Amino acid sequence: MKKATRFYKYIAFFRLRFVMGLQYRTAALAGVATQFAWGFMEISMFLAFERAAPDAFPMTFGQLASYEWLQQAFLAFFMAWLMEGELFDTITSGSVAYELCRPIGLYEMWFTRSLAKRLSAGLLRCLPILVVAALLPDPWKLHAPMSPVTLLCFIVTMIMGLLVTVALCMIIYMLTFFTISPKGMRMIFAFAAEFFQGAVIPLPFFPAPMQRVMEYLPFAAMQNVPMRVYSGQLAGVELFRAAGLQVFWLAALTGIGKALCAKAMQKMTVQGG
């Protein structure tokens, strides 16, 4: 009974943060315009590369265009730099003491909050990008998935990738309890996550030995898997292996985050009147 009551508390908290996030429609509209410009720029760059060296291109251009538009559409789901400054301020200012007065776990509450923020920001932006990108002419257009099964696998792996992203960000929040300032740590984390998850250059473009190593890192379980599943780059045994790594990293990162949270609660001292 207590577990069920606690679960409903998290659902209520999620709904509150999700509805709050949906209010920022003007910011979402500006984000859509920016992401269209960025998407066209990146596709143009890869188009020049493909025409200059077609034999060195590791995927069809249709797959690449779909990968880029999906990345822009679901940018808020997977971008590591999209972290809440308010949570960092809560930790460094000591006002986290107020959060601890709530009758729910701190880690679970912040995980729910981060998930709701990313979902609301992503859903506001994704639909117009997907619709317009699907109507573009070749070679710019977003292609439909190969089959309904591919679409289903894309949705499942995208949800898992989103959860892995939130779990990774939660570790950064928890590590802030042990640092004077989180700025340097945030910069290093954001750079590493962007590079190793394929947000700068898709992983298939890296040399094979380097790609094999990168695919086992937790960052590859973020946007790399769902985008390549949609485009048909991951299927069969490779798809099951990638999805299995998503499950593994979600469990491992959540466990690490909870352990850091418990450690922080034991050592935390809040001074003041």
C-alpha atoms as a PDB file:
ATOM      1  CA  MET A   1       0.000   0.000   0.000  1.00  0.00           C
ATOM      2  CA  LYS A   2       2.822   2.382   0.914  1.00  0.00           C
ATOM      3  CA  LYS A   3       4.654   1.580  -2.329  1.00  0.00           C
ATOM      4  CA  ALA A   4       1.513   2.300  -4.354  1.00  0.00           C
ATOM      5  CA  THR A   5       1.002   5.616  -2.554  1.00  0.00           C
ATOM      6  CA  ARG A   6       4.614   6.584  -3.199  1.00  0.00           C
ATOM      7  CA  PHE A   7       4.245   5.663  -6.872  1.00  0.00           C
ATOM      8  CA  TYR A   8       1.230   7.972  -7.234  1.00  0.00           C
ATOM      9  CA  LYS A   9       3.247  10.776  -5.647  1.00  0.00           C
ATOM     10  CA  TYR A  10       5.870  10.428  -8.358  1.00  0.00           C
ATOM     11  CA  ILE A  11       3.180  10.364 -11.045  1.00  0.00           C
ATOM     12  CA  ALA A  12       1.675  13.566  -9.644  1.00  0.00           C
ATOM     13  CA  PHE A  13       5.091  15.212  -9.512  1.00  0.00           C
ATOM     14  CA  PHE A  14       5.792  14.102 -13.096  1.00  0.00           C
ATOM     15  CA  ARG A  15       2.489  15.551 -14.323  1.00  0.00           C
ATOM     16  CA  LEU A  16       3.181  18.861 -12.585  1.00  0.00           C
ATOM     17  CA  ARG A  17       6.657  19.253 -14.108  1.00  0.00           C
ATOM     18  CA  PHE A  18       5.461  18.024 -17.524  1.00  0.00           C
ATOM     19  CA  VAL A  19       2.611  20.565 -17.685  1.00  0.00           C
ATOM     20  CA  MET A  20       4.975  23.323 -16.561  1.00  0.00           C
ATOM     21  CA  GLY A  21       7.359  22.410 -19.379  1.00  0.00           C
ATOM     22  CA  LEU A  22       4.586  22.602 -21.985  1.00  0.00           C
ATOM     23  CA  GLN A  23       4.076  26.294 -21.201  1.00  0.00           C
ATOM     24  CA  TYR A  24       7.280  27.355 -22.972  1.00  0.00           C
ATOM     25  CA  ARG A  25       5.812  27.367 -26.483  1.00  0.00           C
ATOM     26  CA  THR A  26       7.680  30.440 -27.734  1.00  0.00           C
ATOM     27  CA  ALA A  27      10.997  28.921 -26.703  1.00  0.00           C
ATOM     28  CA  ALA A  28       9.986  25.701 -28.459  1.00  0.00           C
ATOM     29  CA  LEU A  29       9.159  27.607 -31.663  1.00  0.00           C
ATOM     30  CA  ALA A  30      12.558  29.298 -31.588  1.00  0.00           C
ATOM     31  CA  GLY A  31      14.143  25.905 -30.979  1.00  0.00           C
ATOM     32  CA  VAL A  32      12.370  24.406 -34.005  1.00  0.00           C
ATOM     33  CA  ALA A  33      13.707  27.175 -36.264  1.00  0.00           C
ATOM     34  CA  THR A  34      17.227  26.699 -34.902  1.00  0.00           C
ATOM     35  CA  GLN A  35      17.086  22.932 -35.311  1.00  0.00           C
ATOM     36  CA  PHE A  36      15.876  23.205 -38.918  1.00  0.00           C
ATOM     37  CA  ALA A  37      18.809  25.487 -39.729  1.00  0.00           C
ATOM     38  CA  TRP A  38      21.228  23.156 -37.973  1.00  0.00           C
ATOM     39  CA  GLY A  39      19.772  20.082 -39.658  1.00  0.00           C
ATOM     40  CA  PHE A  40      20.101  21.581 -43.151  1.00  0.00           C
ATOM     41  CA  MET A  41      23.665  22.645 -42.395  1.00  0.00           C
ATOM     42  CA  GLU A  42      24.730  19.186 -41.222  1.00  0.00           C
ATOM     43  CA  ILE A  43      23.006  17.365 -44.080  1.00  0.00           C
ATOM     44  CA  SER A  44      24.666  19.752 -46.565  1.00  0.00           C
ATOM     45  CA  MET A  45      28.053  18.997 -45.042  1.00  0.00           C
ATOM     46  CA  PHE A  46      27.534  15.235 -45.294  1.00  0.00           C
ATOM     47  CA  LEU A  47      26.140  15.599 -48.817  1.00  0.00           C
ATOM     48  CA  ALA A  48      29.377  17.270 -49.908  1.00  0.00           C
ATOM     49  CA  PHE A  49      31.358  14.511 -48.210  1.00  0.00           C
ATOM     50  CA  GLU A  50      29.277  11.774 -49.885  1.00  0.00           C
ATOM     51  CA  ARG A  51      29.701  13.296 -53.336  1.00  0.00           C
ATOM     52  CA  ALA A  52      33.443  13.733 -52.843  1.00  0.00           C
ATOM     53  CA  ALA A  53      34.085  10.221 -51.537  1.00  0.00           C
ATOM     54  CA  PRO A  54      31.041   7.950 -52.041  1.00  0.00           C
ATOM     55  CA  ASP A  55      33.023   4.761 -51.387  1.00  0.00           C
ATOM     56  CA  ALA A  56      34.027   6.019 -47.928  1.00  0.00           C
ATOM     57  CA  PHE A  57      30.423   6.690 -46.879  1.00  0.00           C
ATOM     58  CA  PRO A  58      29.391   3.973 -44.341  1.00  0.00           C
ATOM     59  CA  MET A  59      25.609   4.386 -44.748  1.00  0.00           C
ATOM     60  CA  THR A  60      23.177   5.347 -47.492  1.00  0.00           C
ATOM     61  CA  PHE A  61      22.423   9.039 -47.694  1.00  0.00           C
ATOM     62  CA  GLY A  62      18.770   8.348 -46.938  1.00  0.00           C
ATOM     63  CA  GLN A  63      19.825   6.718 -43.673  1.00  0.00           C
ATOM     64  CA  LEU A  64      22.053   9.673 -42.847  1.00  0.00           C
ATOM     65  CA  ALA A  65      19.315  12.226 -43.575  1.00  0.00           C
ATOM     66  CA  SER A  66      16.858  10.303 -41.376  1.00  0.00           C
ATOM     67  CA  TYR A  67      19.466  10.085 -38.614  1.00  0.00           C
ATOM     68  CA  GLU A  68      20.055  13.849 -38.697  1.00  0.00           C
ATOM     69  CA  TRP A  69      16.365  14.830 -38.706  1.00  0.00           C
ATOM     70  CA  LEU A  70      15.564  12.447 -35.866  1.00  0.00           C
ATOM     71  CA  GLN A  71      18.468  13.900 -33.909  1.00  0.00           C
ATOM     72  CA  GLN A  72      17.075  17.396 -34.379  1.00  0.00           C
ATOM     73  CA  ALA A  73      13.485  16.340 -33.641  1.00  0.00           C
ATOM     74  CA  PHE A  74      14.373  14.615 -30.374  1.00  0.00           C
ATOM     75  CA  LEU A  75      17.253  16.888 -29.385  1.00  0.00           C
ATOM     76  CA  ALA A  76      15.828  17.522 -25.912  1.00  0.00           C
ATOM     77  CA  PHE A  77      15.655  13.789 -25.183  1.00  0.00           C
ATOM     78  CA  PHE A  78      19.360  13.053 -25.530  1.00  0.00           C
ATOM     79  CA  MET A  79      21.459  16.217 -25.307  1.00  0.00           C
ATOM     80  CA  ALA A  80      23.688  15.985 -22.230  1.00  0.00           C
ATOM     81  CA  TRP A  81      24.088  19.744 -21.902  1.00  0.00           C
ATOM     82  CA  LEU A  82      20.352  20.092 -21.271  1.00  0.00           C
ATOM     83  CA  MET A  83      20.650  19.967 -17.488  1.00  0.00           C
ATOM     84  CA  GLU A  84      18.760  21.992 -14.909  1.00  0.00           C
ATOM     85  CA  GLY A  85      20.778  24.829 -13.432  1.00  0.00           C
ATOM     86  CA  GLU A  86      18.138  25.098 -10.729  1.00  0.00           C
ATOM     87  CA  LEU A  87      19.100  21.696  -9.337  1.00  0.00           C
ATOM     88  CA  PHE A  88      22.777  22.636  -9.216  1.00  0.00           C
ATOM     89  CA  ASP A  89      21.853  25.868  -7.409  1.00  0.00           C
ATOM     90  CA  THR A  90      19.695  23.883  -4.991  1.00  0.00           C
ATOM     91  CA  ILE A  91      22.713  21.776  -4.035  1.00  0.00           C
ATOM     92  CA  THR A  92      25.349  24.515  -3.851  1.00  0.00           C
ATOM     93  CA  SER A  93      23.101  26.971  -1.982  1.00  0.00           C
ATOM     94  CA  GLY A  94      21.962  24.441   0.630  1.00  0.00           C
ATOM     95  CA  SER A  95      18.275  24.813  -0.208  1.00  0.00           C
ATOM     96  CA  VAL A  96      18.282  21.067  -0.913  1.00  0.00           C
ATOM     97  CA  ALA A  97      17.268  20.853   2.757  1.00  0.00           C
ATOM     98  CA  TYR A  98      13.760  21.876   1.705  1.00  0.00           C
ATOM     99  CA  GLU A  99      13.703  19.080  -0.855  1.00  0.00           C
ATOM    100  CA  LEU A 100      14.554  16.563   1.849  1.00  0.00           C
ATOM    101  CA  CYS A 101      11.422  17.573   3.751  1.00  0.00           C
ATOM    102  CA  ARG A 102       9.259  16.065   1.030  1.00  0.00           C
ATOM    103  CA  PRO A 103       7.891  12.582   1.808  1.00  0.00           C
ATOM    104  CA  ILE A 104       9.578  11.022  -1.257  1.00  0.00           C
ATOM    105  CA  GLY A 105      13.121  10.019  -2.168  1.00  0.00           C
ATOM    106  CA  LEU A 106      15.425  12.750  -3.452  1.00  0.00           C
ATOM    107  CA  TYR A 107      16.928  10.647  -6.248  1.00  0.00           C
ATOM    108  CA  GLU A 108      13.559   9.423  -7.507  1.00  0.00           C
ATOM    109  CA  MET A 109      12.054  12.913  -7.294  1.00  0.00           C
ATOM    110  CA  TRP A 110      14.849  14.511  -9.316  1.00  0.00           C
ATOM    111  CA  PHE A 111      14.872  11.644 -11.818  1.00  0.00           C
ATOM    112  CA  THR A 112      11.132  12.163 -12.367  1.00  0.00           C
ATOM    113  CA  ARG A 113      11.626  15.904 -12.677  1.00  0.00           C
ATOM    114  CA  SER A 114      14.436  15.569 -15.246  1.00  0.00           C
ATOM    115  CA  LEU A 115      12.454  13.021 -17.260  1.00  0.00           C
ATOM    116  CA  ALA A 116       9.378  15.281 -17.351  1.00  0.00           C
ATOM    117  CA  LYS A 117      11.445  18.286 -18.439  1.00  0.00           C
ATOM    118  CA  ARG A 118      13.053  16.432 -21.338  1.00  0.00           C
ATOM    119  CA  LEU A 119       9.779  14.874 -22.454  1.00  0.00           C
ATOM    120  CA  SER A 120       7.860  18.156 -22.465  1.00  0.00           C
ATOM    121  CA  ALA A 121      10.647  20.002 -24.315  1.00  0.00           C
ATOM    122  CA  GLY A 122      11.018  17.194 -26.857  1.00  0.00           C
ATOM    123  CA  LEU A 123       7.333  16.718 -27.572  1.00  0.00           C
ATOM    124  CA  LEU A 124       6.826  20.437 -28.213  1.00  0.00           C
ATOM    125  CA  ARG A 125       9.524  20.402 -30.884  1.00  0.00           C
ATOM    126  CA  CYS A 126       9.429  16.988 -32.526  1.00  0.00           C
ATOM    127  CA  LEU A 127       6.117  17.015 -34.419  1.00  0.00           C
ATOM    128  CA  PRO A 128       6.696  20.052 -36.696  1.00  0.00           C
ATOM    129  CA  ILE A 129      10.247  18.902 -37.450  1.00  0.00           C
ATOM    130  CA  LEU A 130       9.158  15.353 -38.316  1.00  0.00           C
ATOM    131  CA  VAL A 131       6.242  16.484 -40.502  1.00  0.00           C
ATOM    132  CA  VAL A 132       8.190  19.064 -42.504  1.00  0.00           C
ATOM    133  CA  ALA A 133      11.270  16.822 -42.833  1.00  0.00           C
ATOM    134  CA  ALA A 134       9.097  14.002 -44.205  1.00  0.00           C
ATOM    135  CA  LEU A 135       7.739  16.336 -46.915  1.00  0.00           C
ATOM    136  CA  LEU A 136      11.155  17.496 -48.142  1.00  0.00           C
ATOM    137  CA  PRO A 137      12.479  16.224 -51.488  1.00  0.00           C
ATOM    138  CA  ASP A 138      15.384  13.797 -51.763  1.00  0.00           C
ATOM    139  CA  PRO A 139      18.131  13.756 -50.646  1.00  0.00           C
ATOM    140  CA  TRP A 140      16.990  15.934 -47.750  1.00  0.00           C
ATOM    141  CA  LYS A 141      13.861  14.132 -46.626  1.00  0.00           C
ATOM    142  CA  LEU A 142      13.169  12.013 -43.572  1.00  0.00           C
ATOM    143  CA  HIS A 143      12.369   8.517 -44.834  1.00  0.00           C
ATOM    144  CA  ALA A 144       9.749   6.266 -43.279  1.00  0.00           C
ATOM    145  CA  PRO A 145      10.961   3.261 -41.248  1.00  0.00           C
ATOM    146  CA  MET A 146      11.394  -0.011 -43.095  1.00  0.00           C
ATOM    147  CA  SER A 147       8.482  -1.732 -41.325  1.00  0.00           C
ATOM    148  CA  PRO A 148       6.079  -1.382 -38.370  1.00  0.00           C
ATOM    149  CA  VAL A 149       8.417  -3.665 -36.380  1.00  0.00           C
ATOM    150  CA  THR A 150      11.292  -1.279 -37.039  1.00  0.00           C
ATOM    151  CA  LEU A 151       9.139   1.625 -35.837  1.00  0.00           C
ATOM    152  CA  LEU A 152       8.215  -0.273 -32.670  1.00  0.00           C
ATOM    153  CA  CYS A 153      11.870  -1.119 -31.971  1.00  0.00           C
ATOM    154  CA  PHE A 154      12.755   2.532 -32.539  1.00  0.00           C
ATOM    155  CA  ILE A 155      10.176   3.704 -29.990  1.00  0.00           C
ATOM    156  CA  VAL A 156      11.294   1.163 -27.381  1.00  0.00           C
ATOM    157  CA  THR A 157      15.001   1.918 -27.800  1.00  0.00           C
ATOM    158  CA  MET A 158      14.295   5.661 -27.807  1.00  0.00           C
ATOM    159  CA  ILE A 159      12.532   5.376 -24.448  1.00  0.00           C
ATOM    160  CA  MET A 160      15.450   3.360 -23.090  1.00  0.00           C
ATOM    161  CA  GLY A 161      17.922   5.893 -24.490  1.00  0.00           C
ATOM    162  CA  LEU A 162      16.025   8.718 -22.813  1.00  0.00           C
ATOM    163  CA  LEU A 163      16.123   6.905 -19.463  1.00  0.00           C
ATOM    164  CA  VAL A 164      19.860   6.238 -19.830  1.00  0.00           C
ATOM    165  CA  THR A 165      20.422   9.946 -20.561  1.00  0.00           C
ATOM    166  CA  VAL A 166      18.531  10.973 -17.434  1.00  0.00           C
ATOM    167  CA  ALA A 167      20.396   8.379 -15.350  1.00  0.00           C
ATOM    168  CA  LEU A 168      23.740   9.746 -16.578  1.00  0.00           C
ATOM    169  CA  CYS A 169      22.721  13.310 -15.775  1.00  0.00           C
ATOM    170  CA  MET A 170      21.585  12.207 -12.317  1.00  0.00           C
ATOM    171  CA  ILE A 171      25.141  11.035 -11.582  1.00  0.00           C
ATOM    172  CA  ILE A 172      26.414  14.532 -12.396  1.00  0.00           C
ATOM    173  CA  TYR A 173      23.825  16.051 -10.073  1.00  0.00           C
ATOM    174  CA  MET A 174      24.845  13.677  -7.278  1.00  0.00           C
ATOM    175  CA  LEU A 175      28.568  14.307  -7.777  1.00  0.00           C
ATOM    176  CA  THR A 176      27.869  18.010  -7.233  1.00  0.00           C
ATOM    177  CA  PHE A 177      27.372  17.231  -3.535  1.00  0.00           C
ATOM    178  CA  PHE A 178      31.093  16.390  -3.381  1.00  0.00           C
ATOM    179  CA  THR A 179      32.467  19.382  -5.338  1.00  0.00           C
ATOM    180  CA  ILE A 180      32.842  23.117  -4.788  1.00  0.00           C
ATOM    181  CA  SER A 181      31.541  24.008  -8.253  1.00  0.00           C
ATOM    182  CA  PRO A 182      29.917  21.755 -10.886  1.00  0.00           C
ATOM    183  CA  LYS A 183      30.903  23.891 -13.904  1.00  0.00           C
ATOM    184  CA  GLY A 184      34.036  22.014 -14.947  1.00  0.00           C
ATOM    185  CA  MET A 185      32.423  18.637 -14.420  1.00  0.00           C
ATOM    186  CA  ARG A 186      29.384  19.647 -16.487  1.00  0.00           C
ATOM    187  CA  MET A 187      31.564  20.844 -19.377  1.00  0.00           C
ATOM    188  CA  ILE A 188      33.626  17.649 -19.475  1.00  0.00           C
ATOM    189  CA  PHE A 189      30.538  15.457 -19.226  1.00  0.00           C
ATOM    190  CA  ALA A 190      28.644  17.358 -21.935  1.00  0.00           C
ATOM    191  CA  PHE A 191      31.599  17.182 -24.339  1.00  0.00           C
ATOM    192  CA  ALA A 192      32.178  13.468 -23.745  1.00  0.00           C
ATOM    193  CA  ALA A 193      28.500  12.590 -24.063  1.00  0.00           C
ATOM    194  CA  GLU A 194      28.018  14.596 -27.275  1.00  0.00           C
ATOM    195  CA  PHE A 195      31.058  13.038 -28.927  1.00  0.00           C
ATOM    196  CA  PHE A 196      30.658   9.416 -27.831  1.00  0.00           C
ATOM    197  CA  GLN A 197      26.900   9.145 -28.408  1.00  0.00           C
ATOM    198  CA  GLY A 198      27.213  10.199 -32.050  1.00  0.00           C
ATOM    199  CA  ALA A 199      25.679  13.659 -31.762  1.00  0.00           C
ATOM    200  CA  VAL A 200      28.636  15.313 -33.522  1.00  0.00           C
ATOM    201  CA  ILE A 201      29.497  12.521 -35.974  1.00  0.00           C
ATOM    202  CA  PRO A 202      27.424   9.295 -36.207  1.00  0.00           C
ATOM    203  CA  LEU A 203      29.362   6.329 -34.843  1.00  0.00           C
ATOM    204  CA  PRO A 204      29.456   4.424 -38.184  1.00  0.00           C
ATOM    205  CA  PHE A 205      31.812   7.120 -39.518  1.00  0.00           C
ATOM    206  CA  PHE A 206      34.517   6.252 -36.986  1.00  0.00           C
ATOM    207  CA  PRO A 207      37.223   3.643 -37.706  1.00  0.00           C
ATOM    208  CA  ALA A 208      36.002   0.107 -36.945  1.00  0.00           C
ATOM    209  CA  PRO A 209      38.260  -0.537 -33.884  1.00  0.00           C
ATOM    210  CA  MET A 210      37.280   2.793 -32.322  1.00  0.00           C
ATOM    211  CA  GLN A 211      33.608   2.244 -33.152  1.00  0.00           C
ATOM    212  CA  ARG A 212      33.574  -1.141 -31.410  1.00  0.00           C
ATOM    213  CA  VAL A 213      34.913   0.422 -28.216  1.00  0.00           C
ATOM    214  CA  MET A 214      32.523   3.386 -28.363  1.00  0.00           C
ATOM    215  CA  GLU A 215      29.489   1.137 -28.806  1.00  0.00           C
ATOM    216  CA  TYR A 216      30.115  -0.459 -25.400  1.00  0.00           C
ATOM    217  CA  LEU A 217      30.262   2.879 -23.570  1.00  0.00           C
ATOM    218  CA  PRO A 218      27.149   4.155 -21.779  1.00  0.00           C
ATOM    219  CA  PHE A 219      26.988   7.173 -24.100  1.00  0.00           C
ATOM    220  CA  ALA A 220      26.293   4.941 -27.116  1.00  0.00           C
ATOM    221  CA  ALA A 221      23.149   3.688 -25.351  1.00  0.00           C
ATOM    222  CA  MET A 222      21.631   7.148 -25.681  1.00  0.00           C
ATOM    223  CA  GLN A 223      20.722   8.516 -29.139  1.00  0.00           C
ATOM    224  CA  ASN A 224      23.036   6.238 -31.133  1.00  0.00           C
ATOM    225  CA  VAL A 225      20.857   3.140 -30.778  1.00  0.00           C
ATOM    226  CA  PRO A 226      17.351   4.457 -31.627  1.00  0.00           C
ATOM    227  CA  MET A 227      18.552   6.614 -34.541  1.00  0.00           C
ATOM    228  CA  ARG A 228      20.395   3.708 -36.136  1.00  0.00           C
ATOM    229  CA  VAL A 229      17.492   1.333 -35.484  1.00  0.00           C
ATOM    230  CA  TYR A 230      15.111   3.677 -37.338  1.00  0.00           C
ATOM    231  CA  SER A 231      17.448   3.996 -40.317  1.00  0.00           C
ATOM    232  CA  GLY A 232      17.969   0.229 -40.531  1.00  0.00           C
ATOM    233  CA  GLN A 233      21.623   0.361 -39.476  1.00  0.00           C
ATOM    234  CA  LEU A 234      20.923  -1.854 -36.455  1.00  0.00           C
ATOM    235  CA  ALA A 235      18.864  -5.011 -36.930  1.00  0.00           C
ATOM    236  CA  GLY A 236      18.792  -8.654 -35.897  1.00  0.00           C
ATOM    237  CA  VAL A 237      21.544  -9.741 -33.490  1.00  0.00           C
ATOM    238  CA  GLU A 238      23.138  -6.286 -33.453  1.00  0.00           C
ATOM    239  CA  LEU A 239      19.833  -4.744 -32.409  1.00  0.00           C
ATOM    240  CA  PHE A 240      19.385  -7.199 -29.512  1.00  0.00           C
ATOM    241  CA  ARG A 241      22.959  -6.595 -28.380  1.00  0.00           C
ATOM    242  CA  ALA A 242      22.510  -2.813 -28.467  1.00  0.00           C
ATOM    243  CA  ALA A 243      19.169  -2.992 -26.635  1.00  0.00           C
ATOM    244  CA  GLY A 244      20.713  -5.315 -24.047  1.00  0.00           C
ATOM    245  CA  LEU A 245      23.481  -2.778 -23.431  1.00  0.00           C
ATOM    246  CA  GLN A 246      20.821  -0.110 -22.945  1.00  0.00           C
ATOM    247  CA  VAL A 247      19.178  -2.200 -20.226  1.00  0.00           C
ATOM    248  CA  PHE A 248      22.544  -2.928 -18.618  1.00  0.00           C
ATOM    249  CA  TRP A 249      23.644   0.704 -18.545  1.00  0.00           C
ATOM    250  CA  LEU A 250      20.283   1.912 -17.268  1.00  0.00           C
ATOM    251  CA  ALA A 251      20.485  -0.504 -14.327  1.00  0.00           C
ATOM    252  CA  ALA A 252      24.172   0.237 -13.669  1.00  0.00           C
ATOM    253  CA  LEU A 253      23.882   4.023 -13.882  1.00  0.00           C
ATOM    254  CA  THR A 254      20.740   4.096 -11.751  1.00  0.00           C
ATOM    255  CA  GLY A 255      22.485   1.976  -9.121  1.00  0.00           C
ATOM    256  CA  ILE A 256      25.536   4.259  -9.131  1.00  0.00           C
ATOM    257  CA  GLY A 257      23.353   7.354  -8.890  1.00  0.00           C
ATOM    258  CA  LYS A 258      21.383   5.992  -5.953  1.00  0.00           C
ATOM    259  CA  ALA A 259      24.587   4.957  -4.170  1.00  0.00           C
ATOM    260  CA  LEU A 260      26.037   8.454  -4.621  1.00  0.00           C
ATOM    261  CA  CYS A 261      22.793   9.982  -3.363  1.00  0.00           C
ATOM    262  CA  ALA A 262      22.832   7.797  -0.238  1.00  0.00           C
ATOM    263  CA  LYS A 263      26.483   8.689   0.371  1.00  0.00           C
ATOM    264  CA  ALA A 264      25.749  12.395  -0.039  1.00  0.00           C
ATOM    265  CA  MET A 265      22.859  12.246   2.409  1.00  0.00           C
ATOM    266  CA  GLN A 266      25.137  10.693   5.034  1.00  0.00           C
ATOM    267  CA  LYS A 267      27.813  13.398   4.719  1.00  0.00           C
ATOM    268  CA  MET A 268      25.684  16.448   3.952  1.00  0.00           C
ATOM    269  CA  THR A 269      25.625  19.282   6.492  1.00  0.00           C
ATOM    270  CA  VAL A 270      23.327  22.284   6.015  1.00  0.00           C
ATOM    271  CA  GLN A 271      24.092  25.303   8.170  1.00  0.00           C
ATOM    272  CA  GLY A 272      21.860  28.266   8.815  1.00  0.00           C
ATOM    273  CA  GLY A 273      18.986  29.527  10.900  1.00  0.00           C
END
